[in-house]
Each structure stands twice: as C-alpha cells, then as structure tokens.
Amino acid sequence: MTGSARRRTGDSRYGERVPLVAAAVCPHPPLLVPEVAGSAAPELDDLRAACDTAVRRLLAVGPDSVVLLGTGPVTGPIRTPATGSLQPWGVDLDVPLAPGQPDRGAVLPLSLTIGAWLLTRHETPPPASTVPASTPPVGTPSTSATSNSAPPTSTPTVTAVQVAADAGPAELAVLADEVAATGERVALLVLGDGSACRGVKSPGYDDPRAVPYDQGVAAALADADLDVLLDLDPVVSAELKAAGRAPWQVLAGAARAAGGGWRGELLHHAAPYGVAYFVASWERV
C-alpha cells in the first residue's frame, strides 16, 4: 500500500527558516533484528527492506542532524553516549546510538535501540559526542539556520529523543518545537508501532476498533496529513496499545512548525503478528 500527497501545513514560526527537511517512520519490533528473529527472520524481510528504503531516503537529503524519536519511560533528550541492548530478547547485542562512541552511557529504550540498529545498516554518521561543543543539543535552537542552504558535505550528527507513551498535547507540542529547532537541516527517524489488537493471538487480544484505527494512521502517513495524526485519541490509542501515537504526533507538530508543503509515501503496512507495522517516508515539496 502506497500513496503520496502534497499538503500545506501553515506558516512557520521560524519565518524563512526550514529546520525539518525530511522524516522516516518505522516500527520497532525486536524481531526486525534477524539475530532476534532467528529462523523466523525471513518473515519480516519485506518490512526490513521497506525500513532500509525509508532510512536511505532520509540520509539522501543530506541533513545536518538525524534525530531518533520514539517512546520511552519519560519525555526528553537522551544525552550521548547512549547504548541500547537486545539482551532482554535473548541476544547478546549492544547497539550504540552512533558507531564509534564510548560503550554504555545512557540506556536507550527499545524504540530507539531499533532506530539506532536501522542506522547501522547504512553509512551512519559519527557519534554526536564527537561534534564541537558549540553544536546545540536537541531542544536548543540554532542561531545560524537559514532556509535554502545546500545539503551539507559532512555527515550528520545523531541524537535521540524519547517521549512518554502517555504524553499529552501540551507536552508533545513543546517537544515538537524543540525537535524542529534542533538545527539547520533536521531529519527525523520516528519509531512507533500501530495497534496491537489485530486478532485473538495479538498481544492485546482482538479489538474491532484496531483495523479502522490502523487504516486511518496508514492513510495519514501516506498523505502527510498532520491534522489526522494530531487528532489521534490518546485514550483509544492506549487501549489499542498503539505505541506510535505520541511519536507520530511529535512528527506532525514538528512538520507544522517547519511549515510549507509535505509529500508522504507509505512504503509498508502489515500486521503479521497482530501488531500493525507502518513504514513511511516524508519529504518537503
């Protein structure tokens, strides 16, 4: 299932500046990692390939920074160095936020661990901890941003932001502004699953609201429909165990803050284990 659309998102409060230049949306099941899936790894080959396409497109726009965004225990940036682990899923594999950074440090939640793993499948940037001290962390506006700067010749830095699953509209709006103001050319890798109630064997058992909920999310991601994403009901989303609700709403808020037109393409939508997985690519138009 694919689709694309151009949508005006309103005037940017940054004037001529365009902080957010692209976004990719991917799910974060541990089974996405072949070492975790074992003999079942081929079952998610199509999903893996779609994620690779979305990340490749994200990096191809030449962002100054790539921000990983996913659910975690609290809302806010994760300082480097940071490392995720797949040990809880039976694999002795540590995944640093960026290659070459010191081991351990802060602990990445599952969503950001999978996001960092997806980046390792490509020519990934250096760790954010190696950039000059003058480079602002997530949430610190850049003072040298301009609107039509050419894609950088150097590789982007990688930072990470987690958002609490139960975060409300005001909290998400503040985080969206902070993410949008991270740097001159920001690309977002957004990690989030859809409902987990697609059938009696799903983690959340069967819920008749799950399919229409997921269909609405899929259409919104395909059309870059910010209003639909921002209007997702947090209570219904929680009842359907949709882990992506808060990250998707931060994405929509950041895209609105950036202003201009957006084109979305849905690269993958399936629910192989009773959990909806979406892969989408957004670009400015």
Protein backbone atom coordinates (compact mmCIF):
# COMPACT_ATOMS: atom_id res chain seq x y z
CA MET A 1 0.00 0.00 0.00
CA THR A 2 1.49 3.30 -1.07
CA GLY A 3 0.35 6.84 -1.57
CA SER A 4 1.54 10.39 -1.78
CA ALA A 5 0.09 13.85 -1.36
CA ARG A 6 1.07 17.47 -1.08
CA ARG A 7 -0.32 19.29 1.91
CA ARG A 8 0.14 22.82 3.20
CA THR A 9 0.94 22.85 6.89
CA GLY A 10 0.65 26.54 7.69
CA ASP A 11 3.11 29.35 8.19
CA SER A 12 6.26 28.51 10.08
CA ARG A 13 7.06 30.48 13.19
CA TYR A 14 10.69 30.29 12.04
CA GLY A 15 9.93 32.60 9.11
CA GLU A 16 12.15 31.70 6.17
CA ARG A 17 13.99 29.03 8.12
CA VAL A 18 13.17 25.40 7.36
CA PRO A 19 14.52 23.24 10.22
CA LEU A 20 12.84 19.91 9.37
CA VAL A 21 13.74 18.66 5.89
CA ALA A 22 12.64 15.00 5.89
CA ALA A 23 11.24 12.21 8.03
CA ALA A 24 11.06 8.43 8.03
CA VAL A 25 8.57 6.39 10.05
CA CYS A 26 9.43 2.81 11.02
CA PRO A 27 8.16 0.28 13.59
CA HIS A 28 10.33 -1.10 16.37
CA PRO A 29 9.65 -4.81 16.92
CA PRO A 30 12.70 -6.66 18.26
CA LEU A 31 12.04 -9.29 15.58
CA LEU A 32 13.15 -6.76 12.99
CA VAL A 33 16.69 -7.73 14.00
CA PRO A 34 17.49 -11.07 12.31
CA GLU A 35 19.54 -12.31 15.27
CA VAL A 36 16.46 -11.93 17.46
CA ALA A 37 14.04 -13.44 14.94
CA GLY A 38 16.23 -16.47 14.28
CA SER A 39 14.65 -18.88 11.81
CA ALA A 40 11.62 -16.57 11.52
CA ALA A 41 13.75 -13.70 10.16
CA PRO A 42 12.58 -14.18 6.53
CA GLU A 43 9.01 -13.47 7.63
CA LEU A 44 9.94 -9.81 8.04
CA ASP A 45 12.20 -9.44 5.00
CA ASP A 46 9.70 -7.12 3.28
CA LEU A 47 9.38 -4.95 6.40
CA ARG A 48 13.17 -4.81 6.79
CA ALA A 49 13.59 -3.80 3.14
CA ALA A 50 10.97 -1.06 3.47
CA CYS A 51 12.71 0.33 6.56
CA ASP A 52 16.01 0.33 4.69
CA THR A 53 14.42 2.30 1.85
CA ALA A 54 12.94 4.86 4.24
CA VAL A 55 16.25 5.35 6.08
CA ARG A 56 18.19 5.55 2.82
CA ARG A 57 15.89 8.32 1.60
CA LEU A 58 16.23 10.11 4.91
CA LEU A 59 20.02 10.19 4.70
CA ALA A 60 19.98 11.09 0.99
CA VAL A 61 18.63 14.61 1.67
CA GLY A 62 21.91 15.49 3.40
CA PRO A 63 20.65 16.57 6.84
CA ASP A 64 22.89 18.30 9.37
CA SER A 65 21.46 16.08 12.09
CA VAL A 66 19.35 12.95 12.37
CA VAL A 67 17.09 12.79 15.41
CA LEU A 68 15.77 9.41 16.54
CA LEU A 69 12.34 9.78 18.13
CA GLY A 70 10.47 7.02 19.94
CA THR A 71 8.61 6.10 23.10
CA GLY A 72 10.45 5.78 26.40
CA PRO A 73 9.80 5.98 30.13
CA VAL A 74 10.00 9.80 30.19
CA THR A 75 9.95 12.70 27.74
CA GLY A 76 13.16 14.45 26.76
CA PRO A 77 16.53 14.15 25.02
CA ILE A 78 18.93 11.29 25.70
CA ARG A 79 22.48 12.52 26.16
CA THR A 80 25.34 10.74 24.48
CA PRO A 81 26.97 8.36 24.85
CA ALA A 82 23.96 6.06 24.89
CA THR A 83 23.55 2.37 24.15
CA GLY A 84 20.62 0.01 23.70
CA SER A 85 20.64 -3.71 24.33
CA LEU A 86 18.77 -6.65 22.86
CA GLN A 87 19.67 -8.91 25.77
CA PRO A 88 16.07 -8.86 27.10
CA TRP A 89 15.10 -10.57 23.81
CA GLY A 90 17.71 -13.29 24.10
CA VAL A 91 20.52 -11.82 22.01
CA ASP A 92 23.77 -10.55 23.46
CA LEU A 93 23.90 -7.49 21.19
CA ASP A 94 24.53 -3.90 22.24
CA VAL A 95 23.54 -1.10 19.87
CA PRO A 96 25.21 2.28 20.42
CA LEU A 97 23.35 5.41 19.42
CA ALA A 98 26.09 6.04 16.86
CA PRO A 99 29.10 3.94 15.81
CA GLY A 100 32.41 4.71 17.47
CA GLN A 101 31.01 6.27 20.62
CA PRO A 102 32.11 5.05 24.07
CA ASP A 103 30.33 1.96 25.35
CA ARG A 104 27.28 2.13 27.59
CA GLY A 105 26.39 5.57 28.93
CA ALA A 106 22.67 6.30 28.95
CA VAL A 107 20.29 3.42 28.22
CA LEU A 108 18.23 3.56 25.03
CA PRO A 109 14.64 2.28 25.22
CA LEU A 110 13.59 -0.41 22.75
CA SER A 111 12.20 2.04 20.20
CA LEU A 112 15.46 3.98 19.94
CA THR A 113 17.55 0.81 20.09
CA ILE A 114 15.82 -0.40 16.93
CA GLY A 115 16.22 3.04 15.37
CA ALA A 116 19.95 3.01 16.06
CA TRP A 117 20.17 -0.52 14.67
CA LEU A 118 18.46 0.61 11.46
CA LEU A 119 21.06 3.34 11.05
CA THR A 120 23.86 0.80 11.42
CA ARG A 121 22.63 -0.84 8.22
CA HIS A 122 23.69 2.26 6.29
CA GLU A 123 26.65 4.58 6.16
CA THR A 124 25.90 6.13 9.51
CA PRO A 125 27.12 9.45 10.94
CA PRO A 126 29.72 9.87 13.68
CA PRO A 127 28.54 9.96 17.30
CA ALA A 128 27.05 13.23 18.48
CA SER A 129 29.58 13.23 21.34
CA THR A 130 32.39 13.93 18.86
CA VAL A 131 30.94 17.15 17.43
CA PRO A 132 32.26 20.52 18.62
CA ALA A 133 30.93 21.85 21.88
CA SER A 134 29.25 24.70 20.01
CA THR A 135 26.81 22.27 18.33
CA PRO A 136 23.47 22.63 20.17
CA PRO A 137 21.83 19.53 21.67
CA VAL A 138 18.25 18.62 20.93
CA GLY A 139 15.96 21.34 22.17
CA THR A 140 18.49 24.17 21.71
CA PRO A 141 17.65 26.43 18.75
CA SER A 142 20.41 27.02 16.21
CA THR A 143 21.42 30.65 15.69
CA SER A 144 22.80 30.18 12.18
CA ALA A 145 19.92 28.46 10.42
CA THR A 146 18.85 29.62 7.01
CA SER A 147 16.09 28.37 4.75
CA ASN A 148 17.65 27.34 1.49
CA SER A 149 21.10 26.14 2.50
CA ALA A 150 22.58 23.38 0.34
CA PRO A 151 22.83 19.86 1.74
CA PRO A 152 25.98 19.57 3.87
CA THR A 153 29.04 17.76 2.59
CA SER A 154 29.88 16.34 6.04
CA THR A 155 27.95 13.53 7.69
CA PRO A 156 25.17 14.48 10.10
CA THR A 157 25.25 14.05 13.84
CA VAL A 158 22.89 11.62 15.54
CA THR A 159 20.85 12.48 18.62
CA ALA A 160 17.87 10.83 20.29
CA VAL A 161 14.67 11.97 21.94
CA GLN A 162 12.24 9.81 23.87
CA VAL A 163 8.61 10.63 24.56
CA ALA A 164 6.42 9.11 27.27
CA ALA A 165 3.63 6.96 25.90
CA ASP A 166 1.03 8.89 27.88
CA ALA A 167 2.31 12.36 26.98
CA GLY A 168 -0.47 14.89 26.47
CA PRO A 169 -0.96 17.51 23.74
CA ALA A 170 0.85 20.34 25.53
CA GLU A 171 3.90 18.18 26.31
CA LEU A 172 4.02 16.90 22.74
CA ALA A 173 3.71 20.41 21.29
CA VAL A 174 6.67 21.64 23.32
CA LEU A 175 8.76 18.64 22.27
CA ALA A 176 7.80 19.14 18.62
CA ASP A 177 9.02 22.75 18.75
CA GLU A 178 12.27 21.65 20.41
CA VAL A 179 12.89 18.96 17.79
CA ALA A 180 12.09 21.35 14.94
CA ALA A 181 14.58 23.87 16.37
CA THR A 182 17.42 21.37 16.78
CA GLY A 183 19.50 22.58 13.88
CA GLU A 184 19.60 23.98 10.40
CA ARG A 185 18.57 20.86 8.47
CA VAL A 186 16.97 18.20 10.68
CA ALA A 187 15.80 14.74 9.61
CA LEU A 188 13.57 12.69 11.91
CA LEU A 189 13.62 8.90 12.19
CA VAL A 190 10.36 8.22 14.00
CA LEU A 191 9.84 4.82 15.64
CA GLY A 192 6.39 3.59 16.53
CA ASP A 193 4.05 0.60 16.16
CA GLY A 194 0.35 0.68 15.41
CA SER A 195 -2.35 -1.15 17.31
CA ALA A 196 -1.51 -4.46 18.97
CA CYS A 197 -5.06 -5.79 18.88
CA ARG A 198 -5.31 -7.36 15.44
CA GLY A 199 -6.72 -10.81 16.20
CA VAL A 200 -7.16 -13.14 19.14
CA LYS A 201 -3.46 -14.09 19.15
CA SER A 202 -2.28 -10.48 19.22
CA PRO A 203 -0.62 -9.04 22.36
CA GLY A 204 -3.76 -7.05 23.17
CA TYR A 205 -6.28 -9.66 22.02
CA ASP A 206 -8.81 -8.77 19.32
CA ASP A 207 -10.45 -5.35 19.23
CA PRO A 208 -12.79 -4.35 16.38
CA ARG A 209 -11.52 -0.77 16.58
CA ALA A 210 -7.98 -1.79 15.68
CA VAL A 211 -8.36 -2.17 11.90
CA PRO A 212 -10.11 1.19 11.30
CA TYR A 213 -7.61 2.88 13.64
CA ASP A 214 -4.67 1.46 11.73
CA GLN A 215 -6.24 2.26 8.38
CA GLY A 216 -6.61 5.87 9.47
CA VAL A 217 -2.97 6.05 10.57
CA ALA A 218 -1.80 4.44 7.32
CA ALA A 219 -3.76 6.96 5.23
CA ALA A 220 -2.43 9.87 7.31
CA LEU A 221 1.16 8.72 6.89
CA ALA A 222 0.63 8.22 3.16
CA ASP A 223 -0.88 11.68 2.75
CA ALA A 224 1.29 13.52 5.29
CA ASP A 225 -1.99 14.50 6.94
CA LEU A 226 -0.89 16.38 10.04
CA ASP A 227 -4.42 17.03 11.31
CA VAL A 228 -5.35 13.34 11.41
CA LEU A 229 -2.18 12.43 13.30
CA LEU A 230 -2.58 15.30 15.76
CA ASP A 231 -6.20 14.27 16.38
CA LEU A 232 -5.40 10.67 17.37
CA ASP A 233 -7.17 9.98 20.65
CA PRO A 234 -4.60 9.16 23.37
CA VAL A 235 -7.11 7.08 25.34
CA VAL A 236 -8.18 4.96 22.38
CA SER A 237 -4.56 4.66 21.27
CA ALA A 238 -3.57 3.37 24.71
CA GLU A 239 -6.46 0.90 24.77
CA LEU A 240 -5.31 -0.42 21.38
CA LYS A 241 -1.69 -0.48 22.60
CA ALA A 242 -0.58 1.75 19.72
CA ALA A 243 2.95 2.67 20.79
CA GLY A 244 3.43 5.10 17.90
CA ARG A 245 0.75 7.62 18.83
CA ALA A 246 2.96 10.08 20.74
CA PRO A 247 5.96 9.95 18.34
CA TRP A 248 3.67 10.40 15.31
CA GLN A 249 2.12 13.45 16.94
CA VAL A 250 5.54 14.95 17.64
CA LEU A 251 6.38 14.40 13.97
CA ALA A 252 3.18 16.12 12.90
CA GLY A 253 3.85 19.05 15.24
CA ALA A 254 7.43 19.43 14.02
CA ALA A 255 6.28 19.33 10.39
CA ARG A 256 3.69 22.00 11.12
CA ALA A 257 6.28 24.16 12.87
CA ALA A 258 8.54 23.86 9.82
CA GLY A 259 5.72 24.95 7.54
CA GLY A 260 5.48 24.52 3.80
CA GLY A 261 4.29 21.51 1.84
CA TRP A 262 4.94 17.85 2.59
CA ARG A 263 4.69 14.72 0.49
CA GLY A 264 4.21 11.37 2.17
CA GLU A 265 4.60 7.84 0.84
CA LEU A 266 3.53 4.71 2.66
CA LEU A 267 6.09 2.01 1.91
CA HIS A 268 4.70 -0.80 4.05
CA HIS A 269 1.62 -1.62 6.13
CA ALA A 270 1.05 -5.06 7.60
CA ALA A 271 0.15 -6.78 10.88
CA PRO A 272 1.96 -10.14 10.73
CA TYR A 273 1.82 -10.86 14.47
CA GLY A 274 -1.33 -8.98 15.38
CA VAL A 275 0.61 -5.70 15.64
CA ALA A 276 0.37 -3.07 12.91
CA TYR A 277 3.66 -2.01 11.36
CA PHE A 278 3.95 1.09 9.18
CA VAL A 279 6.87 2.37 7.14
CA ALA A 280 6.60 5.81 5.56
CA SER A 281 8.80 8.45 4.00
CA TRP A 282 8.09 12.20 4.13
CA GLU A 283 9.82 14.89 2.14
CA ARG A 284 9.36 18.62 1.60
CA VAL A 285 7.78 19.79 -1.65
